[in-house]
Amino acid sequence: MLKILQMTFAVGTLLFVIVDMVNAKVDFQTPMILFLGLTLLIMGVRVFQQKQKLIGGILMGASLFSILVSIQGFVFN
């Protein structure tokens, strides 16, 4: 289940990156950061379940920061 979610969010992030590179008129940076944060969160949970607590914690911390930045982007833009 987590692997499917990780692949879904990774593909979503990739699509936002491609659309943002092709079409410079539309700003997709905020949802792209949100999908990246969700991808990192799922990766952190999967690594944490494999008993690698340090790397899982770092990934979850990075995902929390990315999600907070994207929420700030949604609120202030």
PDB file of N, CA and C in Angstrom:
ATOM      1  N   MET A   1       0.825  -1.204   0.000  1.00  0.00           N
ATOM      2  CA  MET A   1       0.000   0.000   0.000  1.00  0.00           C
ATOM      3  C   MET A   1       0.862   1.258   0.000  1.00  0.00           C
ATOM      4  N   LEU A   2       1.893   1.248   0.853  1.00  0.00           N
ATOM      5  CA  LEU A   2       2.761   2.425   0.910  1.00  0.00           C
ATOM      6  C   LEU A   2       3.553   2.602  -0.381  1.00  0.00           C
ATOM      7  N   LYS A   3       3.926   1.498  -0.996  1.00  0.00           N
ATOM      8  CA  LYS A   3       4.681   1.593  -2.246  1.00  0.00           C
ATOM      9  C   LYS A   3       3.822   2.207  -3.350  1.00  0.00           C
ATOM     10  N   ILE A   4       2.538   1.854  -3.377  1.00  0.00           N
ATOM     11  CA  ILE A   4       1.632   2.444  -4.379  1.00  0.00           C
ATOM     12  C   ILE A   4       1.468   3.928  -4.133  1.00  0.00           C
ATOM     13  N   LEU A   5       1.302   4.322  -2.871  1.00  0.00           N
ATOM     14  CA  LEU A   5       1.195   5.751  -2.546  1.00  0.00           C
ATOM     15  C   LEU A   5       2.469   6.502  -2.915  1.00  0.00           C
ATOM     16  N   GLN A   6       3.618   5.897  -2.602  1.00  0.00           N
ATOM     17  CA  GLN A   6       4.889   6.540  -2.930  1.00  0.00           C
ATOM     18  C   GLN A   6       5.029   6.746  -4.434  1.00  0.00           C
ATOM     19  N   MET A   7       4.692   5.734  -5.213  1.00  0.00           N
ATOM     20  CA  MET A   7       4.787   5.862  -6.671  1.00  0.00           C
ATOM     21  C   MET A   7       3.792   6.895  -7.199  1.00  0.00           C
ATOM     22  N   THR A   8       2.599   6.945  -6.621  1.00  0.00           N
ATOM     23  CA  THR A   8       1.588   7.916  -7.056  1.00  0.00           C
ATOM     24  C   THR A   8       2.063   9.340  -6.810  1.00  0.00           C
ATOM     25  N   PHE A   9       2.558   9.604  -5.606  1.00  0.00           N
ATOM     26  CA  PHE A   9       3.031  10.953  -5.298  1.00  0.00           C
ATOM     27  C   PHE A   9       4.290  11.309  -6.094  1.00  0.00           C
ATOM     28  N   ALA A  10       5.149  10.328  -6.352  1.00  0.00           N
ATOM     29  CA  ALA A  10       6.349  10.593  -7.145  1.00  0.00           C
ATOM     30  C   ALA A  10       5.985  10.930  -8.593  1.00  0.00           C
ATOM     31  N   VAL A  11       5.035  10.207  -9.150  1.00  0.00           N
ATOM     32  CA  VAL A  11       4.588  10.493 -10.523  1.00  0.00           C
ATOM     33  C   VAL A  11       3.895  11.864 -10.565  1.00  0.00           C
ATOM     34  N   GLY A  12       3.099  12.168  -9.546  1.00  0.00           N
ATOM     35  CA  GLY A  12       2.465  13.490  -9.470  1.00  0.00           C
ATOM     36  C   GLY A  12       3.492  14.607  -9.411  1.00  0.00           C
ATOM     37  N   THR A  13       4.531  14.405  -8.613  1.00  0.00           N
ATOM     38  CA  THR A  13       5.604  15.399  -8.531  1.00  0.00           C
ATOM     39  C   THR A  13       6.286  15.569  -9.882  1.00  0.00           C
ATOM     40  N   LEU A  14       6.567  14.450 -10.538  1.00  0.00           N
ATOM     41  CA  LEU A  14       7.211  14.505 -11.850  1.00  0.00           C
ATOM     42  C   LEU A  14       6.340  15.229 -12.870  1.00  0.00           C
ATOM     43  N   LEU A  15       5.042  14.979 -12.847  1.00  0.00           N
ATOM     44  CA  LEU A  15       4.139  15.671 -13.776  1.00  0.00           C
ATOM     45  C   LEU A  15       4.112  17.172 -13.517  1.00  0.00           C
ATOM     46  N   PHE A  16       4.074  17.574 -12.239  1.00  0.00           N
ATOM     47  CA  PHE A  16       4.109  19.002 -11.931  1.00  0.00           C
ATOM     48  C   PHE A  16       5.418  19.644 -12.391  1.00  0.00           C
ATOM     49  N   VAL A  17       6.529  18.924 -12.250  1.00  0.00           N
ATOM     50  CA  VAL A  17       7.820  19.461 -12.702  1.00  0.00           C
ATOM     51  C   VAL A  17       7.822  19.634 -14.214  1.00  0.00           C
ATOM     52  N   ILE A  18       7.335  18.644 -14.939  1.00  0.00           N
ATOM     53  CA  ILE A  18       7.328  18.721 -16.399  1.00  0.00           C
ATOM     54  C   ILE A  18       6.423  19.852 -16.875  1.00  0.00           C
ATOM     55  N   VAL A  19       5.221  19.963 -16.305  1.00  0.00           N
ATOM     56  CA  VAL A  19       4.299  21.022 -16.717  1.00  0.00           C
ATOM     57  C   VAL A  19       4.875  22.391 -16.375  1.00  0.00           C
ATOM     58  N   ASP A  20       5.537  22.503 -15.221  1.00  0.00           N
ATOM     59  CA  ASP A  20       6.129  23.782 -14.828  1.00  0.00           C
ATOM     60  C   ASP A  20       7.283  24.166 -15.751  1.00  0.00           C
ATOM     61  N   MET A  21       8.039  23.187 -16.211  1.00  0.00           N
ATOM     62  CA  MET A  21       9.145  23.490 -17.121  1.00  0.00           C
ATOM     63  C   MET A  21       8.635  23.869 -18.506  1.00  0.00           C
ATOM     64  N   VAL A  22       7.583  23.206 -18.971  1.00  0.00           N
ATOM     65  CA  VAL A  22       7.057  23.463 -20.307  1.00  0.00           C
ATOM     66  C   VAL A  22       6.285  24.771 -20.350  1.00  0.00           C
ATOM     67  N   ASN A  23       5.430  24.993 -19.360  1.00  0.00           N
ATOM     68  CA  ASN A  23       4.562  26.154 -19.342  1.00  0.00           C
ATOM     69  C   ASN A  23       5.022  27.101 -18.234  1.00  0.00           C
ATOM     70  N   ALA A  24       5.754  28.131 -18.592  1.00  0.00           N
ATOM     71  CA  ALA A  24       6.302  29.054 -17.601  1.00  0.00           C
ATOM     72  C   ALA A  24       5.269  30.062 -17.109  1.00  0.00           C
ATOM     73  N   LYS A  25       4.102  30.131 -17.752  1.00  0.00           N
ATOM     74  CA  LYS A  25       3.095  31.112 -17.353  1.00  0.00           C
ATOM     75  C   LYS A  25       2.333  30.692 -16.099  1.00  0.00           C
ATOM     76  N   VAL A  26       2.220  29.400 -15.885  1.00  0.00           N
ATOM     77  CA  VAL A  26       1.462  28.887 -14.741  1.00  0.00           C
ATOM     78  C   VAL A  26       2.452  28.429 -13.677  1.00  0.00           C
ATOM     79  N   ASP A  27       2.185  28.814 -12.416  1.00  0.00           N
ATOM     80  CA  ASP A  27       3.089  28.488 -11.325  1.00  0.00           C
ATOM     81  C   ASP A  27       2.603  27.235 -10.604  1.00  0.00           C
ATOM     82  N   PHE A  28       3.326  26.147 -10.758  1.00  0.00           N
ATOM     83  CA  PHE A  28       2.994  24.893 -10.100  1.00  0.00           C
ATOM     84  C   PHE A  28       3.985  24.562  -8.993  1.00  0.00           C
ATOM     85  N   GLN A  29       4.719  25.540  -8.506  1.00  0.00           N
ATOM     86  CA  GLN A  29       5.750  25.257  -7.521  1.00  0.00           C
ATOM     87  C   GLN A  29       5.176  24.805  -6.182  1.00  0.00           C
ATOM     88  N   THR A  30       4.091  25.422  -5.740  1.00  0.00           N
ATOM     89  CA  THR A  30       3.536  25.073  -4.438  1.00  0.00           C
ATOM     90  C   THR A  30       2.962  23.654  -4.407  1.00  0.00           C
ATOM     91  N   PRO A  31       2.115  23.255  -5.370  1.00  0.00           N
ATOM     92  CA  PRO A  31       1.663  21.849  -5.317  1.00  0.00           C
ATOM     93  C   PRO A  31       2.788  20.856  -5.577  1.00  0.00           C
ATOM     94  N   MET A  32       3.807  21.264  -6.338  1.00  0.00           N
ATOM     95  CA  MET A  32       4.936  20.384  -6.578  1.00  0.00           C
ATOM     96  C   MET A  32       5.677  20.113  -5.262  1.00  0.00           C
ATOM     97  N   ILE A  33       5.862  21.129  -4.440  1.00  0.00           N
ATOM     98  CA  ILE A  33       6.529  20.951  -3.154  1.00  0.00           C
ATOM     99  C   ILE A  33       5.669  20.101  -2.222  1.00  0.00           C
ATOM    100  N   LEU A  34       4.338  20.270  -2.290  1.00  0.00           N
ATOM    101  CA  LEU A  34       3.444  19.449  -1.474  1.00  0.00           C
ATOM    102  C   LEU A  34       3.568  17.974  -1.854  1.00  0.00           C
ATOM    103  N   PHE A  35       3.545  17.668  -3.136  1.00  0.00           N
ATOM    104  CA  PHE A  35       3.669  16.280  -3.564  1.00  0.00           C
ATOM    105  C   PHE A  35       5.045  15.718  -3.225  1.00  0.00           C
ATOM    106  N   LEU A  36       6.081  16.549  -3.309  1.00  0.00           N
ATOM    107  CA  LEU A  36       7.418  16.105  -2.909  1.00  0.00           C
ATOM    108  C   LEU A  36       7.456  15.793  -1.422  1.00  0.00           C
ATOM    109  N   GLY A  37       6.819  16.645  -0.610  1.00  0.00           N
ATOM    110  CA  GLY A  37       6.767  16.396   0.825  1.00  0.00           C
ATOM    111  C   GLY A  37       6.013  15.124   1.163  1.00  0.00           C
ATOM    112  N   LEU A  38       4.912  14.874   0.453  1.00  0.00           N
ATOM    113  CA  LEU A  38       4.153  13.642   0.686  1.00  0.00           C
ATOM    114  C   LEU A  38       4.952  12.410   0.259  1.00  0.00           C
ATOM    115  N   THR A  39       5.713  12.540  -0.823  1.00  0.00           N
ATOM    116  CA  THR A  39       6.574  11.437  -1.252  1.00  0.00           C
ATOM    117  C   THR A  39       7.635  11.143  -0.201  1.00  0.00           C
ATOM    118  N   LEU A  40       8.253  12.206   0.335  1.00  0.00           N
ATOM    119  CA  LEU A  40       9.264  12.015   1.374  1.00  0.00           C
ATOM    120  C   LEU A  40       8.662  11.424   2.642  1.00  0.00           C
ATOM    121  N   LEU A  41       7.430  11.805   2.969  1.00  0.00           N
ATOM    122  CA  LEU A  41       6.771  11.264   4.150  1.00  0.00           C
ATOM    123  C   LEU A  41       6.547   9.756   4.004  1.00  0.00           C
ATOM    124  N   ILE A  42       6.054   9.333   2.854  1.00  0.00           N
ATOM    125  CA  ILE A  42       5.832   7.906   2.628  1.00  0.00           C
ATOM    126  C   ILE A  42       7.165   7.154   2.634  1.00  0.00           C
ATOM    127  N   MET A  43       8.191   7.737   2.043  1.00  0.00           N
ATOM    128  CA  MET A  43       9.515   7.103   2.074  1.00  0.00           C
ATOM    129  C   MET A  43      10.014   6.976   3.502  1.00  0.00           C
ATOM    130  N   GLY A  44       9.810   8.014   4.314  1.00  0.00           N
ATOM    131  CA  GLY A  44      10.238   7.974   5.705  1.00  0.00           C
ATOM    132  C   GLY A  44       9.517   6.905   6.501  1.00  0.00           C
ATOM    133  N   VAL A  45       8.220   6.748   6.270  1.00  0.00           N
ATOM    134  CA  VAL A  45       7.454   5.712   6.972  1.00  0.00           C
ATOM    135  C   VAL A  45       7.950   4.329   6.564  1.00  0.00           C
ATOM    136  N   ARG A  46       8.190   4.129   5.271  1.00  0.00           N
ATOM    137  CA  ARG A  46       8.671   2.819   4.811  1.00  0.00           C
ATOM    138  C   ARG A  46      10.040   2.488   5.388  1.00  0.00           C
ATOM    139  N   VAL A  47      10.945   3.476   5.421  1.00  0.00           N
ATOM    140  CA  VAL A  47      12.285   3.237   5.965  1.00  0.00           C
ATOM    141  C   VAL A  47      12.206   3.029   7.474  1.00  0.00           C
ATOM    142  N   PHE A  48      11.319   3.774   8.144  1.00  0.00           N
ATOM    143  CA  PHE A  48      11.146   3.629   9.586  1.00  0.00           C
ATOM    144  C   PHE A  48      10.641   2.231   9.935  1.00  0.00           C
ATOM    145  N   GLN A  49       9.787   1.657   9.103  1.00  0.00           N
ATOM    146  CA  GLN A  49       9.289   0.299   9.331  1.00  0.00           C
ATOM    147  C   GLN A  49      10.379  -0.753   9.135  1.00  0.00           C
ATOM    148  N   GLN A  50      11.425  -0.403   8.386  1.00  0.00           N
ATOM    149  CA  GLN A  50      12.531  -1.336   8.156  1.00  0.00           C
ATOM    150  C   GLN A  50      13.601  -1.205   9.233  1.00  0.00           C
ATOM    151  N   LYS A  51      13.256  -0.550  10.350  1.00  0.00           N
ATOM    152  CA  LYS A  51      14.122  -0.402  11.521  1.00  0.00           C
ATOM    153  C   LYS A  51      15.335   0.494  11.283  1.00  0.00           C
ATOM    154  N   GLN A  52      15.263   1.390  10.310  1.00  0.00           N
ATOM    155  CA  GLN A  52      16.317   2.380  10.099  1.00  0.00           C
ATOM    156  C   GLN A  52      15.777   3.725  10.589  1.00  0.00           C
ATOM    157  N   LYS A  53      15.817   3.896  11.900  1.00  0.00           N
ATOM    158  CA  LYS A  53      15.124   5.009  12.531  1.00  0.00           C
ATOM    159  C   LYS A  53      15.762   6.366  12.214  1.00  0.00           C
ATOM    160  N   LEU A  54      17.068   6.448  12.090  1.00  0.00           N
ATOM    161  CA  LEU A  54      17.726   7.734  11.827  1.00  0.00           C
ATOM    162  C   LEU A  54      17.354   8.264  10.444  1.00  0.00           C
ATOM    163  N   ILE A  55      17.484   7.437   9.436  1.00  0.00           N
ATOM    164  CA  ILE A  55      17.160   7.866   8.073  1.00  0.00           C
ATOM    165  C   ILE A  55      15.671   8.146   7.942  1.00  0.00           C
ATOM    166  N   GLY A  56      14.838   7.319   8.573  1.00  0.00           N
ATOM    167  CA  GLY A  56      13.395   7.550   8.559  1.00  0.00           C
ATOM    168  C   GLY A  56      13.035   8.872   9.223  1.00  0.00           C
ATOM    169  N   GLY A  57      13.688   9.179  10.325  1.00  0.00           N
ATOM    170  CA  GLY A  57      13.440  10.455  11.006  1.00  0.00           C
ATOM    171  C   GLY A  57      13.870  11.649  10.175  1.00  0.00           C
ATOM    172  N   ILE A  58      14.997  11.524   9.509  1.00  0.00           N
ATOM    173  CA  ILE A  58      15.467  12.618   8.645  1.00  0.00           C
ATOM    174  C   ILE A  58      14.497  12.842   7.491  1.00  0.00           C
ATOM    175  N   LEU A  59      14.033  11.757   6.877  1.00  0.00           N
ATOM    176  CA  LEU A  59      13.069  11.878   5.778  1.00  0.00           C
ATOM    177  C   LEU A  59      11.756  12.489   6.253  1.00  0.00           C
ATOM    178  N   MET A  60      11.303  12.082   7.430  1.00  0.00           N
ATOM    179  CA  MET A  60      10.056  12.648   7.951  1.00  0.00           C
ATOM    180  C   MET A  60      10.214  14.122   8.310  1.00  0.00           C
ATOM    181  N   GLY A  61      11.381  14.489   8.837  1.00  0.00           N
ATOM    182  CA  GLY A  61      11.635  15.899   9.128  1.00  0.00           C
ATOM    183  C   GLY A  61      11.671  16.743   7.857  1.00  0.00           C
ATOM    184  N   ALA A  62      12.312  16.225   6.819  1.00  0.00           N
ATOM    185  CA  ALA A  62      12.353  16.942   5.545  1.00  0.00           C
ATOM    186  C   ALA A  62      10.962  17.040   4.932  1.00  0.00           C
ATOM    187  N   SER A  63      10.158  15.985   5.084  1.00  0.00           N
ATOM    188  CA  SER A  63       8.798  16.032   4.540  1.00  0.00           C
ATOM    189  C   SER A  63       7.944  17.029   5.301  1.00  0.00           C
ATOM    190  N   LEU A  64       8.105  17.092   6.611  1.00  0.00           N
ATOM    191  CA  LEU A  64       7.354  18.063   7.404  1.00  0.00           C
ATOM    192  C   LEU A  64       7.700  19.488   6.974  1.00  0.00           C
ATOM    193  N   PHE A  65       8.987  19.746   6.765  1.00  0.00           N
ATOM    194  CA  PHE A  65       9.402  21.074   6.313  1.00  0.00           C
ATOM    195  C   PHE A  65       8.817  21.392   4.939  1.00  0.00           C
ATOM    196  N   SER A  66       8.857  20.439   4.018  1.00  0.00           N
ATOM    197  CA  SER A  66       8.314  20.667   2.675  1.00  0.00           C
ATOM    198  C   SER A  66       6.810  20.915   2.706  1.00  0.00           C
ATOM    199  N   ILE A  67       6.110  20.145   3.517  1.00  0.00           N
ATOM    200  CA  ILE A  67       4.657  20.322   3.605  1.00  0.00           C
ATOM    201  C   ILE A  67       4.321  21.676   4.221  1.00  0.00           C
ATOM    202  N   LEU A  68       5.060  22.087   5.246  1.00  0.00           N
ATOM    203  CA  LEU A  68       4.821  23.401   5.848  1.00  0.00           C
ATOM    204  C   LEU A  68       5.106  24.538   4.865  1.00  0.00           C
ATOM    205  N   VAL A  69       6.155  24.399   4.070  1.00  0.00           N
ATOM    206  CA  VAL A  69       6.465  25.417   3.061  1.00  0.00           C
ATOM    207  C   VAL A  69       5.360  25.487   2.015  1.00  0.00           C
ATOM    208  N   SER A  70       4.829  24.341   1.608  1.00  0.00           N
ATOM    209  CA  SER A  70       3.757  24.363   0.614  1.00  0.00           C
ATOM    210  C   SER A  70       2.469  24.945   1.193  1.00  0.00           C
ATOM    211  N   ILE A  71       2.163  24.656   2.454  1.00  0.00           N
ATOM    212  CA  ILE A  71       0.986  25.257   3.085  1.00  0.00           C
ATOM    213  C   ILE A  71       1.149  26.766   3.168  1.00  0.00           C
ATOM    214  N   GLN A  72       2.346  27.209   3.508  1.00  0.00           N
ATOM    215  CA  GLN A  72       2.615  28.648   3.545  1.00  0.00           C
ATOM    216  C   GLN A  72       2.456  29.260   2.154  1.00  0.00           C
ATOM    217  N   GLY A  73       2.871  28.553   1.125  1.00  0.00           N
ATOM    218  CA  GLY A  73       2.711  29.036  -0.242  1.00  0.00           C
ATOM    219  C   GLY A  73       1.252  29.135  -0.642  1.00  0.00           C
ATOM    220  N   PHE A  74       0.445  28.153  -0.223  1.00  0.00           N
ATOM    221  CA  PHE A  74      -0.990  28.212  -0.520  1.00  0.00           C
ATOM    222  C   PHE A  74      -1.671  29.368   0.210  1.00  0.00           C
ATOM    223  N   VAL A  75      -1.277  29.612   1.449  1.00  0.00           N
ATOM    224  CA  VAL A  75      -1.942  30.640   2.258  1.00  0.00           C
ATOM    225  C   VAL A  75      -1.571  32.041   1.787  1.00  0.00           C
ATOM    226  N   PHE A  76      -0.302  32.274   1.502  1.00  0.00           N
ATOM    227  CA  PHE A  76       0.146  33.629   1.195  1.00  0.00           C
ATOM    228  C   PHE A  76       0.148  33.977  -0.285  1.00  0.00           C
ATOM    229  N   ASN A  77      -0.247  33.070  -1.145  1.00  0.00           N
ATOM    230  CA  ASN A  77      -0.315  33.388  -2.582  1.00  0.00           C
ATOM    231  C   ASN A  77      -1.726  33.399  -3.064  1.00  0.00           C
TER     232      ASN A  77
END
